[in-house]
Amino acid sequence: MDINCNGFLSLAEVDKGVKDLINLPVLFELKPVVMRAFRAAKTSTKSKSKLDDNLVSEAEYRYLLKYLQHYYEYWVAFDRTDADHYKRISK
């Protein structure tokens, strides 16, 4: 996924990697899942520089994959519960 070969992943690189390398078109269509997983992964370890705050480092990559899985599972569970597809659940 690291197109720039700099040891960090931007959101654009993760987005492209999900589509092209991991080859999960269903996940690629779910931008909120990818964005939330990226945001959670980039803050999962202590940053050493300002650059680390906006990118996923090599050490955070495994967290990114785990968060992609978790947030996708949450999305599927919510989607099954959201009968009217208005992105909200009533009692």
PDB file of N, CA and C in Angstrom:
ATOM      1  N   MET A   1       0.810  -1.206   0.000  1.00  0.00           N
ATOM      2  CA  MET A   1       0.000   0.000   0.000  1.00  0.00           C
ATOM      3  C   MET A   1       0.847   1.261   0.000  1.00  0.00           C
ATOM      4  N   ASP A   2       2.039   1.178   0.527  1.00  0.00           N
ATOM      5  CA  ASP A   2       2.899   2.360   0.684  1.00  0.00           C
ATOM      6  C   ASP A   2       3.482   2.764  -0.666  1.00  0.00           C
ATOM      7  N   ILE A   3       2.712   3.488  -1.433  1.00  0.00           N
ATOM      8  CA  ILE A   3       3.109   3.889  -2.789  1.00  0.00           C
ATOM      9  C   ILE A   3       4.343   4.780  -2.765  1.00  0.00           C
ATOM     10  N   ASN A   4       4.425   5.679  -1.771  1.00  0.00           N
ATOM     11  CA  ASN A   4       5.555   6.610  -1.671  1.00  0.00           C
ATOM     12  C   ASN A   4       6.809   5.977  -1.081  1.00  0.00           C
ATOM     13  N   CYS A   5       6.685   4.771  -0.540  1.00  0.00           N
ATOM     14  CA  CYS A   5       7.805   4.062   0.090  1.00  0.00           C
ATOM     15  C   CYS A   5       8.460   4.888   1.196  1.00  0.00           C
ATOM     16  N   ASN A   6       7.623   5.566   1.987  1.00  0.00           N
ATOM     17  CA  ASN A   6       8.155   6.391   3.063  1.00  0.00           C
ATOM     18  C   ASN A   6       7.884   5.802   4.449  1.00  0.00           C
ATOM     19  N   GLY A   7       7.275   4.627   4.505  1.00  0.00           N
ATOM     20  CA  GLY A   7       6.998   3.985   5.778  1.00  0.00           C
ATOM     21  C   GLY A   7       5.713   4.446   6.441  1.00  0.00           C
ATOM     22  N   PHE A   8       4.943   5.282   5.758  1.00  0.00           N
ATOM     23  CA  PHE A   8       3.681   5.789   6.286  1.00  0.00           C
ATOM     24  C   PHE A   8       2.587   5.626   5.233  1.00  0.00           C
ATOM     25  N   LEU A   9       1.336   5.545   5.706  1.00  0.00           N
ATOM     26  CA  LEU A   9       0.198   5.450   4.796  1.00  0.00           C
ATOM     27  C   LEU A   9      -0.734   6.636   5.003  1.00  0.00           C
ATOM     28  N   SER A  10      -1.068   7.287   3.916  1.00  0.00           N
ATOM     29  CA  SER A  10      -2.078   8.339   3.965  1.00  0.00           C
ATOM     30  C   SER A  10      -3.445   7.688   3.768  1.00  0.00           C
ATOM     31  N   LEU A  11      -4.502   8.453   4.009  1.00  0.00           N
ATOM     32  CA  LEU A  11      -5.849   7.928   3.797  1.00  0.00           C
ATOM     33  C   LEU A  11      -6.047   7.555   2.330  1.00  0.00           C
ATOM     34  N   ALA A  12      -5.508   8.329   1.419  1.00  0.00           N
ATOM     35  CA  ALA A  12      -5.627   8.031  -0.012  1.00  0.00           C
ATOM     36  C   ALA A  12      -4.931   6.712  -0.357  1.00  0.00           C
ATOM     37  N   GLU A  13      -3.763   6.468   0.242  1.00  0.00           N
ATOM     38  CA  GLU A  13      -3.052   5.216  -0.018  1.00  0.00           C
ATOM     39  C   GLU A  13      -3.816   4.021   0.552  1.00  0.00           C
ATOM     40  N   VAL A  14      -4.411   4.195   1.718  1.00  0.00           N
ATOM     41  CA  VAL A  14      -5.207   3.117   2.309  1.00  0.00           C
ATOM     42  C   VAL A  14      -6.432   2.849   1.446  1.00  0.00           C
ATOM     43  N   ASP A  15      -7.086   3.895   1.000  1.00  0.00           N
ATOM     44  CA  ASP A  15      -8.260   3.765   0.144  1.00  0.00           C
ATOM     45  C   ASP A  15      -7.918   3.017  -1.138  1.00  0.00           C
ATOM     46  N   LYS A  16      -6.836   3.398  -1.763  1.00  0.00           N
ATOM     47  CA  LYS A  16      -6.395   2.732  -2.998  1.00  0.00           C
ATOM     48  C   LYS A  16      -5.971   1.288  -2.726  1.00  0.00           C
ATOM     49  N   GLY A  17      -5.313   1.066  -1.602  1.00  0.00           N
ATOM     50  CA  GLY A  17      -4.877  -0.280  -1.242  1.00  0.00           C
ATOM     51  C   GLY A  17      -6.032  -1.228  -0.975  1.00  0.00           C
ATOM     52  N   VAL A  18      -7.083  -0.715  -0.333  1.00  0.00           N
ATOM     53  CA  VAL A  18      -8.267  -1.540  -0.078  1.00  0.00           C
ATOM     54  C   VAL A  18      -8.894  -1.965  -1.399  1.00  0.00           C
ATOM     55  N   LYS A  19      -8.900  -1.062  -2.348  1.00  0.00           N
ATOM     56  CA  LYS A  19      -9.513  -1.359  -3.650  1.00  0.00           C
ATOM     57  C   LYS A  19      -8.624  -2.259  -4.504  1.00  0.00           C
ATOM     58  N   ASP A  20      -7.343  -1.910  -4.624  1.00  0.00           N
ATOM     59  CA  ASP A  20      -6.473  -2.590  -5.584  1.00  0.00           C
ATOM     60  C   ASP A  20      -5.696  -3.775  -5.012  1.00  0.00           C
ATOM     61  N   LEU A  21      -5.146  -3.629  -3.829  1.00  0.00           N
ATOM     62  CA  LEU A  21      -4.289  -4.678  -3.281  1.00  0.00           C
ATOM     63  C   LEU A  21      -5.049  -5.713  -2.458  1.00  0.00           C
ATOM     64  N   ILE A  22      -5.858  -5.235  -1.527  1.00  0.00           N
ATOM     65  CA  ILE A  22      -6.646  -6.164  -0.716  1.00  0.00           C
ATOM     66  C   ILE A  22      -7.803  -6.712  -1.544  1.00  0.00           C
ATOM     67  N   ASN A  23      -8.209  -5.945  -2.544  1.00  0.00           N
ATOM     68  CA  ASN A  23      -9.234  -6.349  -3.506  1.00  0.00           C
ATOM     69  C   ASN A  23     -10.569  -6.646  -2.832  1.00  0.00           C
ATOM     70  N   LEU A  24     -11.053  -5.668  -2.056  1.00  0.00           N
ATOM     71  CA  LEU A  24     -12.356  -5.777  -1.415  1.00  0.00           C
ATOM     72  C   LEU A  24     -13.251  -4.631  -1.890  1.00  0.00           C
ATOM     73  N   PRO A  25     -13.889  -4.787  -3.052  1.00  0.00           N
ATOM     74  CA  PRO A  25     -14.716  -3.702  -3.580  1.00  0.00           C
ATOM     75  C   PRO A  25     -15.861  -3.313  -2.647  1.00  0.00           C
ATOM     76  N   VAL A  26     -16.389  -4.271  -1.893  1.00  0.00           N
ATOM     77  CA  VAL A  26     -17.476  -3.959  -0.960  1.00  0.00           C
ATOM     78  C   VAL A  26     -16.989  -2.995   0.115  1.00  0.00           C
ATOM     79  N   LEU A  27     -15.812  -3.253   0.654  1.00  0.00           N
ATOM     80  CA  LEU A  27     -15.243  -2.381   1.674  1.00  0.00           C
ATOM     81  C   LEU A  27     -14.849  -1.028   1.082  1.00  0.00           C
ATOM     82  N   PHE A  28     -14.369  -1.011  -0.151  1.00  0.00           N
ATOM     83  CA  PHE A  28     -13.999   0.236  -0.816  1.00  0.00           C
ATOM     84  C   PHE A  28     -15.204   1.165  -0.933  1.00  0.00           C
ATOM     85  N   GLU A  29     -16.389   0.598  -1.136  1.00  0.00           N
ATOM     86  CA  GLU A  29     -17.611   1.394  -1.263  1.00  0.00           C
ATOM     87  C   GLU A  29     -18.037   2.015   0.069  1.00  0.00           C
ATOM     88  N   LEU A  30     -17.583   1.444   1.178  1.00  0.00           N
ATOM     89  CA  LEU A  30     -17.981   1.921   2.503  1.00  0.00           C
ATOM     90  C   LEU A  30     -16.939   2.883   3.054  1.00  0.00           C
ATOM     91  N   LYS A  31     -16.955   4.088   2.542  1.00  0.00           N
ATOM     92  CA  LYS A  31     -15.967   5.103   2.942  1.00  0.00           C
ATOM     93  C   LYS A  31     -15.963   5.380   4.448  1.00  0.00           C
ATOM     94  N   PRO A  32     -17.142   5.407   5.118  1.00  0.00           N
ATOM     95  CA  PRO A  32     -17.102   5.652   6.568  1.00  0.00           C
ATOM     96  C   PRO A  32     -16.318   4.591   7.334  1.00  0.00           C
ATOM     97  N   VAL A  33     -16.376   3.356   6.884  1.00  0.00           N
ATOM     98  CA  VAL A  33     -15.631   2.273   7.544  1.00  0.00           C
ATOM     99  C   VAL A  33     -14.139   2.501   7.391  1.00  0.00           C
ATOM    100  N   VAL A  34     -13.697   2.800   6.191  1.00  0.00           N
ATOM    101  CA  VAL A  34     -12.267   3.020   5.929  1.00  0.00           C
ATOM    102  C   VAL A  34     -11.772   4.252   6.682  1.00  0.00           C
ATOM    103  N   MET A  35     -12.558   5.313   6.679  1.00  0.00           N
ATOM    104  CA  MET A  35     -12.144   6.542   7.360  1.00  0.00           C
ATOM    105  C   MET A  35     -12.039   6.351   8.873  1.00  0.00           C
ATOM    106  N   ARG A  36     -12.998   5.657   9.464  1.00  0.00           N
ATOM    107  CA  ARG A  36     -12.955   5.436  10.916  1.00  0.00           C
ATOM    108  C   ARG A  36     -11.809   4.507  11.301  1.00  0.00           C
ATOM    109  N   ALA A  37     -11.575   3.484  10.509  1.00  0.00           N
ATOM    110  CA  ALA A  37     -10.465   2.574  10.780  1.00  0.00           C
ATOM    111  C   ALA A  37      -9.132   3.312  10.661  1.00  0.00           C
ATOM    112  N   PHE A  38      -9.004   4.151   9.657  1.00  0.00           N
ATOM    113  CA  PHE A  38      -7.784   4.937   9.473  1.00  0.00           C
ATOM    114  C   PHE A  38      -7.560   5.870  10.661  1.00  0.00           C
ATOM    115  N   ARG A  39      -8.604   6.563  11.066  1.00  0.00           N
ATOM    116  CA  ARG A  39      -8.510   7.509  12.187  1.00  0.00           C
ATOM    117  C   ARG A  39      -8.133   6.787  13.482  1.00  0.00           C
ATOM    118  N   ALA A  40      -8.720   5.633  13.718  1.00  0.00           N
ATOM    119  CA  ALA A  40      -8.418   4.882  14.931  1.00  0.00           C
ATOM    120  C   ALA A  40      -6.994   4.328  14.902  1.00  0.00           C
ATOM    121  N   ALA A  41      -6.558   3.850  13.746  1.00  0.00           N
ATOM    122  CA  ALA A  41      -5.225   3.253  13.636  1.00  0.00           C
ATOM    123  C   ALA A  41      -4.121   4.285  13.790  1.00  0.00           C
ATOM    124  N   LYS A  42      -4.317   5.466  13.255  1.00  0.00           N
ATOM    125  CA  LYS A  42      -3.247   6.468  13.294  1.00  0.00           C
ATOM    126  C   LYS A  42      -2.989   7.005  14.693  1.00  0.00           C
ATOM    127  N   THR A  43      -3.903   6.755  15.604  1.00  0.00           N
ATOM    128  CA  THR A  43      -3.704   7.201  16.986  1.00  0.00           C
ATOM    129  C   THR A  43      -3.505   6.032  17.945  1.00  0.00           C
ATOM    130  N   SER A  44      -3.226   4.855  17.420  1.00  0.00           N
ATOM    131  CA  SER A  44      -3.123   3.668  18.266  1.00  0.00           C
ATOM    132  C   SER A  44      -1.774   3.521  18.963  1.00  0.00           C
ATOM    133  N   THR A  45      -0.756   4.223  18.501  1.00  0.00           N
ATOM    134  CA  THR A  45       0.544   4.208  19.170  1.00  0.00           C
ATOM    135  C   THR A  45       1.000   5.647  19.393  1.00  0.00           C
ATOM    136  N   LYS A  46       1.955   5.811  20.271  1.00  0.00           N
ATOM    137  CA  LYS A  46       2.480   7.162  20.524  1.00  0.00           C
ATOM    138  C   LYS A  46       3.266   7.638  19.308  1.00  0.00           C
ATOM    139  N   SER A  47       2.994   8.854  18.884  1.00  0.00           N
ATOM    140  CA  SER A  47       3.694   9.396  17.723  1.00  0.00           C
ATOM    141  C   SER A  47       5.048   9.961  18.128  1.00  0.00           C
ATOM    142  N   LYS A  48       5.995   9.821  17.219  1.00  0.00           N
ATOM    143  CA  LYS A  48       7.355  10.323  17.459  1.00  0.00           C
ATOM    144  C   LYS A  48       7.572  11.686  16.824  1.00  0.00           C
ATOM    145  N   SER A  49       6.741  12.027  15.858  1.00  0.00           N
ATOM    146  CA  SER A  49       6.861  13.327  15.195  1.00  0.00           C
ATOM    147  C   SER A  49       5.478  13.816  14.795  1.00  0.00           C
ATOM    148  N   LYS A  50       5.408  15.048  14.320  1.00  0.00           N
ATOM    149  CA  LYS A  50       4.137  15.635  13.864  1.00  0.00           C
ATOM    150  C   LYS A  50       3.574  14.872  12.673  1.00  0.00           C
ATOM    151  N   LEU A  51       4.457  14.324  11.838  1.00  0.00           N
ATOM    152  CA  LEU A  51       4.047  13.579  10.657  1.00  0.00           C
ATOM    153  C   LEU A  51       3.237  12.349  11.044  1.00  0.00           C
ATOM    154  N   ASP A  52       3.600  11.719  12.157  1.00  0.00           N
ATOM    155  CA  ASP A  52       2.915  10.511  12.604  1.00  0.00           C
ATOM    156  C   ASP A  52       1.452  10.759  12.952  1.00  0.00           C
ATOM    157  N   ASP A  53       1.096  11.977  13.305  1.00  0.00           N
ATOM    158  CA  ASP A  53      -0.266  12.277  13.732  1.00  0.00           C
ATOM    159  C   ASP A  53      -1.288  12.182  12.611  1.00  0.00           C
ATOM    160  N   ASN A  54      -0.867  12.356  11.372  1.00  0.00           N
ATOM    161  CA  ASN A  54      -1.801  12.366  10.244  1.00  0.00           C
ATOM    162  C   ASN A  54      -1.692  11.148   9.336  1.00  0.00           C
ATOM    163  N   LEU A  55      -0.764  10.264   9.636  1.00  0.00           N
ATOM    164  CA  LEU A  55      -0.532   9.097   8.791  1.00  0.00           C
ATOM    165  C   LEU A  55      -0.470   7.836   9.641  1.00  0.00           C
ATOM    166  N   VAL A  56      -0.699   6.696   9.020  1.00  0.00           N
ATOM    167  CA  VAL A  56      -0.557   5.409   9.693  1.00  0.00           C
ATOM    168  C   VAL A  56       0.880   4.941   9.489  1.00  0.00           C
ATOM    169  N   SER A  57       1.541   4.676  10.589  1.00  0.00           N
ATOM    170  CA  SER A  57       2.930   4.228  10.515  1.00  0.00           C
ATOM    171  C   SER A  57       2.986   2.716  10.303  1.00  0.00           C
ATOM    172  N   GLU A  58       4.182   2.230  10.085  1.00  0.00           N
ATOM    173  CA  GLU A  58       4.387   0.793   9.902  1.00  0.00           C
ATOM    174  C   GLU A  58       3.949   0.026  11.152  1.00  0.00           C
ATOM    175  N   ALA A  59       4.205   0.586  12.317  1.00  0.00           N
ATOM    176  CA  ALA A  59       3.821  -0.050  13.579  1.00  0.00           C
ATOM    177  C   ALA A  59       2.299  -0.069  13.768  1.00  0.00           C
ATOM    178  N   GLU A  60       1.594   0.850  13.133  1.00  0.00           N
ATOM    179  CA  GLU A  60       0.142   0.948  13.281  1.00  0.00           C
ATOM    180  C   GLU A  60      -0.619   0.174  12.209  1.00  0.00           C
ATOM    181  N   TYR A  61       0.086  -0.389  11.247  1.00  0.00           N
ATOM    182  CA  TYR A  61      -0.557  -1.066  10.123  1.00  0.00           C
ATOM    183  C   TYR A  61      -1.426  -2.241  10.585  1.00  0.00           C
ATOM    184  N   ARG A  62      -0.925  -3.023  11.530  1.00  0.00           N
ATOM    185  CA  ARG A  62      -1.722  -4.162  12.005  1.00  0.00           C
ATOM    186  C   ARG A  62      -2.995  -3.682  12.679  1.00  0.00           C
ATOM    187  N   TYR A  63      -2.929  -2.530  13.357  1.00  0.00           N
ATOM    188  CA  TYR A  63      -4.132  -1.946  13.954  1.00  0.00           C
ATOM    189  C   TYR A  63      -5.113  -1.532  12.861  1.00  0.00           C
ATOM    190  N   LEU A  64      -4.595  -0.995  11.782  1.00  0.00           N
ATOM    191  CA  LEU A  64      -5.452  -0.597  10.663  1.00  0.00           C
ATOM    192  C   LEU A  64      -6.245  -1.791  10.144  1.00  0.00           C
ATOM    193  N   LEU A  65      -5.584  -2.903   9.929  1.00  0.00           N
ATOM    194  CA  LEU A  65      -6.267  -4.095   9.428  1.00  0.00           C
ATOM    195  C   LEU A  65      -7.317  -4.593  10.419  1.00  0.00           C
ATOM    196  N   LYS A  66      -6.984  -4.573  11.685  1.00  0.00           N
ATOM    197  CA  LYS A  66      -7.914  -5.010  12.722  1.00  0.00           C
ATOM    198  C   LYS A  66      -9.125  -4.075  12.789  1.00  0.00           C
ATOM    199  N   TYR A  67      -8.867  -2.760  12.739  1.00  0.00           N
ATOM    200  CA  TYR A  67      -9.965  -1.795  12.779  1.00  0.00           C
ATOM    201  C   TYR A  67     -10.848  -1.899  11.533  1.00  0.00           C
ATOM    202  N   LEU A  68     -10.254  -2.162  10.378  1.00  0.00           N
ATOM    203  CA  LEU A  68     -11.064  -2.364   9.171  1.00  0.00           C
ATOM    204  C   LEU A  68     -12.039  -3.516   9.382  1.00  0.00           C
ATOM    205  N   GLN A  69     -11.549  -4.590   9.959  1.00  0.00           N
ATOM    206  CA  GLN A  69     -12.401  -5.750  10.223  1.00  0.00           C
ATOM    207  C   GLN A  69     -13.504  -5.392  11.216  1.00  0.00           C
ATOM    208  N   HIS A  70     -13.145  -4.771  12.331  1.00  0.00           N
ATOM    209  CA  HIS A  70     -14.125  -4.449  13.364  1.00  0.00           C
ATOM    210  C   HIS A  70     -15.193  -3.476  12.866  1.00  0.00           C
ATOM    211  N   TYR A  71     -14.765  -2.389  12.230  1.00  0.00           N
ATOM    212  CA  TYR A  71     -15.738  -1.399  11.778  1.00  0.00           C
ATOM    213  C   TYR A  71     -16.626  -1.942  10.662  1.00  0.00           C
ATOM    214  N   TYR A  72     -16.080  -2.837   9.841  1.00  0.00           N
ATOM    215  CA  TYR A  72     -16.911  -3.472   8.818  1.00  0.00           C
ATOM    216  C   TYR A  72     -17.972  -4.351   9.482  1.00  0.00           C
ATOM    217  N   GLU A  73     -17.590  -5.111  10.496  1.00  0.00           N
ATOM    218  CA  GLU A  73     -18.554  -5.948  11.206  1.00  0.00           C
ATOM    219  C   GLU A  73     -19.633  -5.098  11.878  1.00  0.00           C
ATOM    220  N   TYR A  74     -19.238  -3.969  12.459  1.00  0.00           N
ATOM    221  CA  TYR A  74     -20.214  -3.058  13.057  1.00  0.00           C
ATOM    222  C   TYR A  74     -21.174  -2.533  11.985  1.00  0.00           C
ATOM    223  N   TRP A  75     -20.619  -2.187  10.827  1.00  0.00           N
ATOM    224  CA  TRP A  75     -21.442  -1.660   9.733  1.00  0.00           C
ATOM    225  C   TRP A  75     -22.479  -2.692   9.297  1.00  0.00           C
ATOM    226  N   VAL A  76     -22.055  -3.929   9.132  1.00  0.00           N
ATOM    227  CA  VAL A  76     -22.967  -4.994   8.705  1.00  0.00           C
ATOM    228  C   VAL A  76     -24.059  -5.210   9.751  1.00  0.00           C
ATOM    229  N   ALA A  77     -23.675  -5.259  11.023  1.00  0.00           N
ATOM    230  CA  ALA A  77     -24.656  -5.455  12.089  1.00  0.00           C
ATOM    231  C   ALA A  77     -25.661  -4.303  12.126  1.00  0.00           C
ATOM    232  N   PHE A  78     -25.180  -3.087  12.003  1.00  0.00           N
ATOM    233  CA  PHE A  78     -26.068  -1.926  12.001  1.00  0.00           C
ATOM    234  C   PHE A  78     -26.988  -1.959  10.785  1.00  0.00           C
ATOM    235  N   ASP A  79     -26.429  -2.297   9.632  1.00  0.00           N
ATOM    236  CA  ASP A  79     -27.216  -2.324   8.397  1.00  0.00           C
ATOM    237  C   ASP A  79     -28.346  -3.349   8.486  1.00  0.00           C
ATOM    238  N   ARG A  80     -28.088  -4.460   9.127  1.00  0.00           N
ATOM    239  CA  ARG A  80     -29.133  -5.479   9.294  1.00  0.00           C
ATOM    240  C   ARG A  80     -30.239  -4.996  10.229  1.00  0.00           C
ATOM    241  N   THR A  81     -29.877  -4.170  11.194  1.00  0.00           N
ATOM    242  CA  THR A  81     -30.838  -3.667  12.169  1.00  0.00           C
ATOM    243  C   THR A  81     -31.616  -2.469  11.625  1.00  0.00           C
ATOM    244  N   ASP A  82     -31.010  -1.691  10.762  1.00  0.00           N
ATOM    245  CA  ASP A  82     -31.608  -0.482  10.199  1.00  0.00           C
ATOM    246  C   ASP A  82     -32.588  -0.860   9.090  1.00  0.00           C
ATOM    247  N   ALA A  83     -33.820  -1.173   9.475  1.00  0.00           N
ATOM    248  CA  ALA A  83     -34.809  -1.692   8.529  1.00  0.00           C
ATOM    249  C   ALA A  83     -35.193  -0.694   7.445  1.00  0.00           C
ATOM    250  N   ASP A  84     -35.325   0.595   7.797  1.00  0.00           N
ATOM    251  CA  ASP A  84     -35.772   1.578   6.810  1.00  0.00           C
ATOM    252  C   ASP A  84     -34.621   2.277   6.085  1.00  0.00           C
ATOM    253  N   HIS A  85     -33.385   1.937   6.426  1.00  0.00           N
ATOM    254  CA  HIS A  85     -32.170   2.462   5.778  1.00  0.00           C
ATOM    255  C   HIS A  85     -32.054   3.985   5.855  1.00  0.00           C
ATOM    256  N   TYR A  86     -32.495   4.564   6.976  1.00  0.00           N
ATOM    257  CA  TYR A  86     -32.334   5.995   7.223  1.00  0.00           C
ATOM    258  C   TYR A  86     -31.146   6.279   8.137  1.00  0.00           C
ATOM    259  N   LYS A  87     -30.302   5.285   8.361  1.00  0.00           N
ATOM    260  CA  LYS A  87     -29.089   5.407   9.200  1.00  0.00           C
ATOM    261  C   LYS A  87     -29.424   5.735  10.650  1.00  0.00           C
ATOM    262  N   ARG A  88     -30.515   5.156  11.138  1.00  0.00           N
ATOM    263  CA  ARG A  88     -30.860   5.289  12.543  1.00  0.00           C
ATOM    264  C   ARG A  88     -31.705   4.086  12.943  1.00  0.00           C
ATOM    265  N   ILE A  89     -31.679   3.796  14.226  1.00  0.00           N
ATOM    266  CA  ILE A  89     -32.413   2.643  14.744  1.00  0.00           C
ATOM    267  C   ILE A  89     -33.408   3.144  15.790  1.00  0.00           C
ATOM    268  N   SER A  90     -34.634   2.691  15.644  1.00  0.00           N
ATOM    269  CA  SER A  90     -35.659   3.054  16.635  1.00  0.00           C
ATOM    270  C   SER A  90     -35.868   1.874  17.578  1.00  0.00           C
ATOM    271  N   LYS A  91     -36.574   2.145  18.681  1.00  0.00           N
ATOM    272  CA  LYS A  91     -36.875   1.074  19.630  1.00  0.00           C
ATOM    273  C   LYS A  91     -37.664  -0.009  18.969  1.00  0.00           C
TER     274      LYS A  91
END
